[in-house]
């Protein structure tokens, strides 16, 4: 089962949901505003991409916090501030994650999974 972590108001999350719906691929959507990734889920996602890849450093939450001017622990910051996630986070399989919507990378990941 493919998991998508995002928010209902995120345009890229909406694109990802539409991408899977158009292809009749079952997904599990989780709104991170309601239930953010657990520490274990975060660690699993970071094992493939790294914590830095999961942070939207250009997003409004990062700018509001002044994140670019701070020294911070990426893992702890994501656990405390789930609004910093780069959404959508797409988990096509355990130990894999795609951060943000990239249609080509998504097609490649699905081809590997089904191939």
N, C-alpha and C. Protein backbone atom coordinates (compact mmCIF):
# COMPACT_ATOMS: atom_id res chain seq x y z
N UNK A 1 0.85 -1.19 0.00
CA UNK A 1 0.00 0.00 0.00
C UNK A 1 0.88 1.24 0.00
N UNK A 2 0.58 2.16 -0.89
CA UNK A 2 1.31 3.42 -0.98
C UNK A 2 0.70 4.40 0.00
N UNK A 3 1.56 5.04 0.78
CA UNK A 3 1.10 6.04 1.75
C UNK A 3 1.46 7.42 1.24
N UNK A 4 0.54 8.35 1.45
CA UNK A 4 0.80 9.75 1.13
C UNK A 4 0.54 10.56 2.40
N UNK A 5 1.56 11.28 2.83
CA UNK A 5 1.43 12.20 3.94
C UNK A 5 1.39 13.59 3.34
N UNK A 6 0.41 14.38 3.70
CA UNK A 6 0.30 15.73 3.18
C UNK A 6 -0.80 16.48 3.90
N UNK A 7 -1.19 17.59 3.30
CA UNK A 7 -2.29 18.36 3.85
C UNK A 7 -3.31 18.58 2.73
N UNK A 8 -4.54 18.72 3.13
CA UNK A 8 -5.61 18.89 2.14
C UNK A 8 -5.48 20.20 1.38
N UNK A 9 -4.83 21.20 1.98
CA UNK A 9 -4.70 22.50 1.32
C UNK A 9 -3.46 22.60 0.42
N UNK A 10 -2.59 21.60 0.45
CA UNK A 10 -1.35 21.61 -0.34
C UNK A 10 -1.64 21.24 -1.79
N UNK A 11 -1.29 22.12 -2.72
CA UNK A 11 -1.54 21.87 -4.14
C UNK A 11 -0.76 20.66 -4.65
N UNK A 12 0.48 20.48 -4.20
CA UNK A 12 1.26 19.32 -4.64
C UNK A 12 0.68 18.02 -4.10
N UNK A 13 0.14 18.05 -2.90
CA UNK A 13 -0.53 16.86 -2.36
C UNK A 13 -1.76 16.54 -3.20
N UNK A 14 -2.52 17.56 -3.58
CA UNK A 14 -3.68 17.34 -4.44
C UNK A 14 -3.27 16.74 -5.78
N UNK A 15 -2.14 17.19 -6.34
CA UNK A 15 -1.64 16.63 -7.60
C UNK A 15 -1.30 15.15 -7.42
N UNK A 16 -0.66 14.82 -6.32
CA UNK A 16 -0.28 13.42 -6.06
C UNK A 16 -1.52 12.55 -5.91
N UNK A 17 -2.51 13.02 -5.18
CA UNK A 17 -3.74 12.25 -5.00
C UNK A 17 -4.44 12.03 -6.36
N UNK A 18 -4.46 13.06 -7.19
CA UNK A 18 -5.06 12.95 -8.52
C UNK A 18 -4.26 11.97 -9.40
N UNK A 19 -2.93 12.01 -9.29
CA UNK A 19 -2.06 11.11 -10.05
C UNK A 19 -2.43 9.65 -9.78
N UNK A 20 -2.60 9.32 -8.51
CA UNK A 20 -2.92 7.93 -8.16
C UNK A 20 -4.36 7.57 -8.52
N UNK A 21 -5.27 8.51 -8.34
CA UNK A 21 -6.67 8.25 -8.67
C UNK A 21 -6.83 7.98 -10.16
N UNK A 22 -6.15 8.76 -11.00
CA UNK A 22 -6.23 8.58 -12.45
C UNK A 22 -5.71 7.21 -12.89
N UNK A 23 -4.83 6.63 -12.08
CA UNK A 23 -4.24 5.34 -12.42
C UNK A 23 -4.88 4.18 -11.65
N UNK A 24 -5.95 4.49 -10.93
CA UNK A 24 -6.65 3.48 -10.11
C UNK A 24 -5.72 2.73 -9.17
N UNK A 25 -4.82 3.48 -8.54
CA UNK A 25 -3.88 2.90 -7.58
C UNK A 25 -4.38 3.25 -6.18
N UNK A 26 -4.56 2.22 -5.37
CA UNK A 26 -5.01 2.43 -3.99
C UNK A 26 -3.91 3.08 -3.17
N UNK A 27 -4.30 4.06 -2.41
CA UNK A 27 -3.36 4.76 -1.53
C UNK A 27 -3.99 4.91 -0.15
N UNK A 28 -3.14 5.21 0.80
CA UNK A 28 -3.59 5.58 2.14
C UNK A 28 -3.12 7.01 2.36
N UNK A 29 -4.07 7.94 2.48
CA UNK A 29 -3.73 9.34 2.70
C UNK A 29 -3.80 9.66 4.18
N UNK A 30 -2.79 10.38 4.64
CA UNK A 30 -2.80 10.83 6.03
C UNK A 30 -2.49 12.32 6.08
N UNK A 31 -3.41 13.07 6.66
CA UNK A 31 -3.27 14.51 6.80
C UNK A 31 -2.34 14.79 7.97
N UNK A 32 -1.17 15.36 7.68
CA UNK A 32 -0.20 15.60 8.76
C UNK A 32 -0.63 16.70 9.71
N UNK A 33 -1.64 17.50 9.30
CA UNK A 33 -2.19 18.48 10.24
C UNK A 33 -2.97 17.76 11.35
N UNK A 34 -3.51 16.58 11.02
CA UNK A 34 -4.30 15.81 11.98
C UNK A 34 -3.42 14.79 12.71
N UNK A 35 -2.61 14.05 11.95
CA UNK A 35 -1.76 13.03 12.54
C UNK A 35 -0.42 13.00 11.80
N UNK A 36 0.59 13.70 12.33
CA UNK A 36 1.90 13.71 11.67
C UNK A 36 2.59 12.35 11.77
N UNK A 37 3.64 12.15 10.97
CA UNK A 37 4.38 10.89 11.06
C UNK A 37 4.91 10.67 12.47
N UNK A 38 4.89 9.41 12.90
CA UNK A 38 5.44 9.05 14.21
C UNK A 38 6.97 9.11 14.12
N UNK A 39 7.65 9.11 15.26
CA UNK A 39 9.12 9.08 15.21
C UNK A 39 9.66 7.90 14.39
N UNK A 40 9.04 6.74 14.51
CA UNK A 40 9.48 5.57 13.74
C UNK A 40 9.27 5.76 12.24
N UNK A 41 8.11 6.33 11.86
CA UNK A 41 7.84 6.60 10.44
C UNK A 41 8.82 7.63 9.89
N UNK A 42 9.09 8.66 10.68
CA UNK A 42 10.04 9.68 10.28
C UNK A 42 11.42 9.07 10.06
N UNK A 43 11.87 8.24 10.99
CA UNK A 43 13.18 7.61 10.86
C UNK A 43 13.24 6.71 9.62
N UNK A 44 12.15 5.99 9.35
CA UNK A 44 12.09 5.13 8.18
C UNK A 44 12.20 5.96 6.90
N UNK A 45 11.47 7.07 6.83
CA UNK A 45 11.53 7.92 5.64
C UNK A 45 12.91 8.54 5.48
N UNK A 46 13.49 8.96 6.59
CA UNK A 46 14.80 9.61 6.53
C UNK A 46 15.91 8.61 6.16
N UNK A 47 15.67 7.33 6.38
CA UNK A 47 16.70 6.34 6.05
C UNK A 47 16.96 6.30 4.55
N UNK A 48 15.99 6.69 3.73
CA UNK A 48 16.22 6.70 2.29
C UNK A 48 16.56 8.09 1.75
N UNK A 49 16.01 9.12 2.35
CA UNK A 49 16.19 10.46 1.79
C UNK A 49 17.04 11.38 2.65
N UNK A 50 17.16 11.07 3.93
CA UNK A 50 17.82 11.99 4.85
C UNK A 50 16.82 12.98 5.41
N UNK A 51 17.05 13.44 6.61
CA UNK A 51 16.12 14.37 7.26
C UNK A 51 16.01 15.69 6.50
N UNK A 52 17.12 16.18 5.99
CA UNK A 52 17.12 17.49 5.31
C UNK A 52 16.19 17.50 4.10
N UNK A 53 16.09 16.38 3.38
CA UNK A 53 15.24 16.30 2.19
C UNK A 53 13.76 16.38 2.54
N UNK A 54 13.42 16.12 3.79
CA UNK A 54 12.02 16.12 4.22
C UNK A 54 11.53 17.49 4.67
N UNK A 55 12.45 18.44 4.79
CA UNK A 55 12.11 19.78 5.29
C UNK A 55 11.91 20.74 4.13
N UNK A 56 10.78 21.45 4.15
CA UNK A 56 10.49 22.48 3.14
C UNK A 56 11.11 23.79 3.62
N UNK A 57 12.38 23.98 3.29
CA UNK A 57 13.10 25.16 3.77
C UNK A 57 12.62 26.45 3.10
N UNK A 58 11.88 26.33 2.00
CA UNK A 58 11.37 27.52 1.31
C UNK A 58 9.91 27.81 1.65
N UNK A 59 9.29 26.97 2.45
CA UNK A 59 7.88 27.12 2.77
C UNK A 59 7.62 28.23 3.77
N UNK A 60 6.34 28.59 3.91
CA UNK A 60 5.98 29.68 4.82
C UNK A 60 6.31 29.39 6.28
N UNK A 61 6.19 28.15 6.71
CA UNK A 61 6.49 27.82 8.11
C UNK A 61 7.97 28.03 8.41
N UNK A 62 8.83 27.62 7.47
CA UNK A 62 10.28 27.80 7.66
C UNK A 62 10.66 29.28 7.68
N UNK A 63 10.02 30.04 6.81
CA UNK A 63 10.31 31.48 6.77
C UNK A 63 9.84 32.17 8.03
N UNK A 64 8.66 31.78 8.51
CA UNK A 64 8.11 32.38 9.73
C UNK A 64 9.00 32.09 10.93
N UNK A 65 9.57 30.87 10.98
CA UNK A 65 10.45 30.49 12.08
C UNK A 65 11.85 31.08 11.95
N UNK A 66 12.20 31.54 10.74
CA UNK A 66 13.57 31.98 10.49
C UNK A 66 14.53 30.80 10.45
N UNK A 67 14.05 29.69 9.92
CA UNK A 67 14.81 28.44 9.93
C UNK A 67 16.17 28.59 9.24
N UNK A 68 16.25 29.39 8.20
CA UNK A 68 17.52 29.53 7.49
C UNK A 68 18.59 30.22 8.34
N UNK A 69 18.18 30.84 9.42
CA UNK A 69 19.13 31.54 10.29
C UNK A 69 19.42 30.76 11.57
N UNK A 70 18.90 29.54 11.65
CA UNK A 70 19.01 28.76 12.89
C UNK A 70 19.92 27.55 12.71
N UNK A 71 20.54 27.14 13.81
CA UNK A 71 21.15 25.82 13.89
C UNK A 71 20.12 24.96 14.58
N UNK A 72 19.82 23.79 14.00
CA UNK A 72 18.76 22.97 14.56
C UNK A 72 19.01 21.50 14.25
N UNK A 73 18.44 20.66 15.08
CA UNK A 73 18.46 19.22 14.85
C UNK A 73 17.26 18.92 13.93
N UNK A 74 17.54 18.42 12.73
CA UNK A 74 16.48 18.24 11.73
C UNK A 74 15.39 17.30 12.22
N UNK A 75 15.78 16.19 12.83
CA UNK A 75 14.79 15.20 13.29
C UNK A 75 13.87 15.79 14.35
N UNK A 76 14.47 16.39 15.37
CA UNK A 76 13.68 16.96 16.47
C UNK A 76 12.80 18.11 15.98
N UNK A 77 13.31 18.90 15.05
CA UNK A 77 12.54 20.02 14.52
C UNK A 77 11.31 19.52 13.77
N UNK A 78 11.47 18.46 12.96
CA UNK A 78 10.33 17.89 12.25
C UNK A 78 9.30 17.29 13.21
N UNK A 79 9.78 16.65 14.27
CA UNK A 79 8.85 16.07 15.23
C UNK A 79 8.06 17.15 15.97
N UNK A 80 8.70 18.28 16.23
CA UNK A 80 8.03 19.37 16.95
C UNK A 80 7.19 20.26 16.03
N UNK A 81 7.57 20.34 14.75
CA UNK A 81 6.91 21.26 13.81
C UNK A 81 6.56 20.52 12.51
N UNK A 82 5.49 19.73 12.52
CA UNK A 82 5.13 18.98 11.31
C UNK A 82 4.76 19.87 10.12
N UNK A 83 4.51 21.15 10.36
CA UNK A 83 4.22 22.05 9.24
C UNK A 83 5.47 22.34 8.40
N UNK A 84 6.62 21.84 8.82
CA UNK A 84 7.86 22.02 8.06
C UNK A 84 8.10 20.93 7.03
N UNK A 85 7.28 19.87 7.04
CA UNK A 85 7.48 18.79 6.06
C UNK A 85 7.28 19.29 4.64
N UNK A 86 8.12 18.81 3.74
CA UNK A 86 7.93 19.05 2.31
C UNK A 86 6.86 18.07 1.86
N UNK A 87 5.71 18.58 1.47
CA UNK A 87 4.60 17.69 1.12
C UNK A 87 4.36 17.69 -0.38
N UNK A 88 3.85 16.59 -0.88
CA UNK A 88 3.50 15.38 -0.16
C UNK A 88 4.73 14.52 0.09
N UNK A 89 4.64 13.70 1.13
CA UNK A 89 5.63 12.64 1.36
C UNK A 89 4.98 11.37 0.87
N UNK A 90 5.55 10.77 -0.14
CA UNK A 90 4.97 9.58 -0.76
C UNK A 90 5.87 8.39 -0.46
N UNK A 91 5.26 7.39 0.19
CA UNK A 91 6.00 6.17 0.54
C UNK A 91 5.52 5.03 -0.35
N UNK A 92 6.26 4.76 -1.45
CA UNK A 92 5.86 3.67 -2.33
C UNK A 92 6.20 2.29 -1.77
N UNK A 93 6.98 2.26 -0.70
CA UNK A 93 7.35 1.01 -0.06
C UNK A 93 8.14 1.31 1.20
N UNK A 94 8.28 0.31 2.06
CA UNK A 94 9.02 0.51 3.31
C UNK A 94 10.46 0.92 3.01
N UNK A 95 10.93 1.92 3.72
CA UNK A 95 12.29 2.39 3.55
C UNK A 95 12.50 3.30 2.35
N UNK A 96 11.41 3.71 1.69
CA UNK A 96 11.50 4.60 0.53
C UNK A 96 10.57 5.78 0.75
N UNK A 97 10.98 6.93 0.22
CA UNK A 97 10.12 8.11 0.29
C UNK A 97 10.47 9.07 -0.84
N UNK A 98 9.45 9.71 -1.36
CA UNK A 98 9.62 10.80 -2.31
C UNK A 98 9.04 12.04 -1.64
N UNK A 99 9.85 13.08 -1.51
CA UNK A 99 9.41 14.31 -0.85
C UNK A 99 9.07 15.35 -1.90
N UNK A 100 7.84 15.81 -1.89
CA UNK A 100 7.36 16.75 -2.90
C UNK A 100 6.82 15.98 -4.09
N UNK A 101 6.11 16.68 -4.96
CA UNK A 101 5.51 16.02 -6.12
C UNK A 101 6.44 16.16 -7.31
N UNK A 102 6.95 15.02 -7.79
CA UNK A 102 7.79 14.95 -8.98
C UNK A 102 7.26 13.78 -9.79
N UNK A 103 6.48 14.11 -10.85
CA UNK A 103 5.78 13.06 -11.60
C UNK A 103 6.74 12.04 -12.21
N UNK A 104 7.87 12.48 -12.73
CA UNK A 104 8.83 11.55 -13.34
C UNK A 104 9.39 10.60 -12.28
N UNK A 105 9.81 11.14 -11.14
CA UNK A 105 10.35 10.29 -10.07
C UNK A 105 9.29 9.31 -9.57
N UNK A 106 8.07 9.77 -9.52
CA UNK A 106 6.97 8.91 -9.08
C UNK A 106 6.72 7.78 -10.07
N UNK A 107 6.71 8.10 -11.36
CA UNK A 107 6.54 7.06 -12.38
C UNK A 107 7.70 6.05 -12.32
N UNK A 108 8.91 6.55 -12.12
CA UNK A 108 10.08 5.68 -12.01
C UNK A 108 9.95 4.75 -10.79
N UNK A 109 9.53 5.30 -9.67
CA UNK A 109 9.38 4.50 -8.45
C UNK A 109 8.30 3.43 -8.63
N UNK A 110 7.22 3.78 -9.29
CA UNK A 110 6.15 2.80 -9.53
C UNK A 110 6.58 1.73 -10.51
N UNK A 111 7.39 2.10 -11.50
CA UNK A 111 7.89 1.11 -12.47
C UNK A 111 8.79 0.11 -11.78
N UNK A 112 9.62 0.56 -10.87
CA UNK A 112 10.51 -0.33 -10.11
C UNK A 112 9.69 -1.24 -9.21
N UNK A 113 8.67 -0.67 -8.56
CA UNK A 113 7.84 -1.46 -7.64
C UNK A 113 7.08 -2.55 -8.38
N UNK A 114 6.54 -2.24 -9.56
CA UNK A 114 5.74 -3.22 -10.27
C UNK A 114 6.60 -4.12 -11.17
N UNK A 115 7.85 -3.74 -11.39
CA UNK A 115 8.72 -4.50 -12.29
C UNK A 115 9.46 -5.59 -11.65
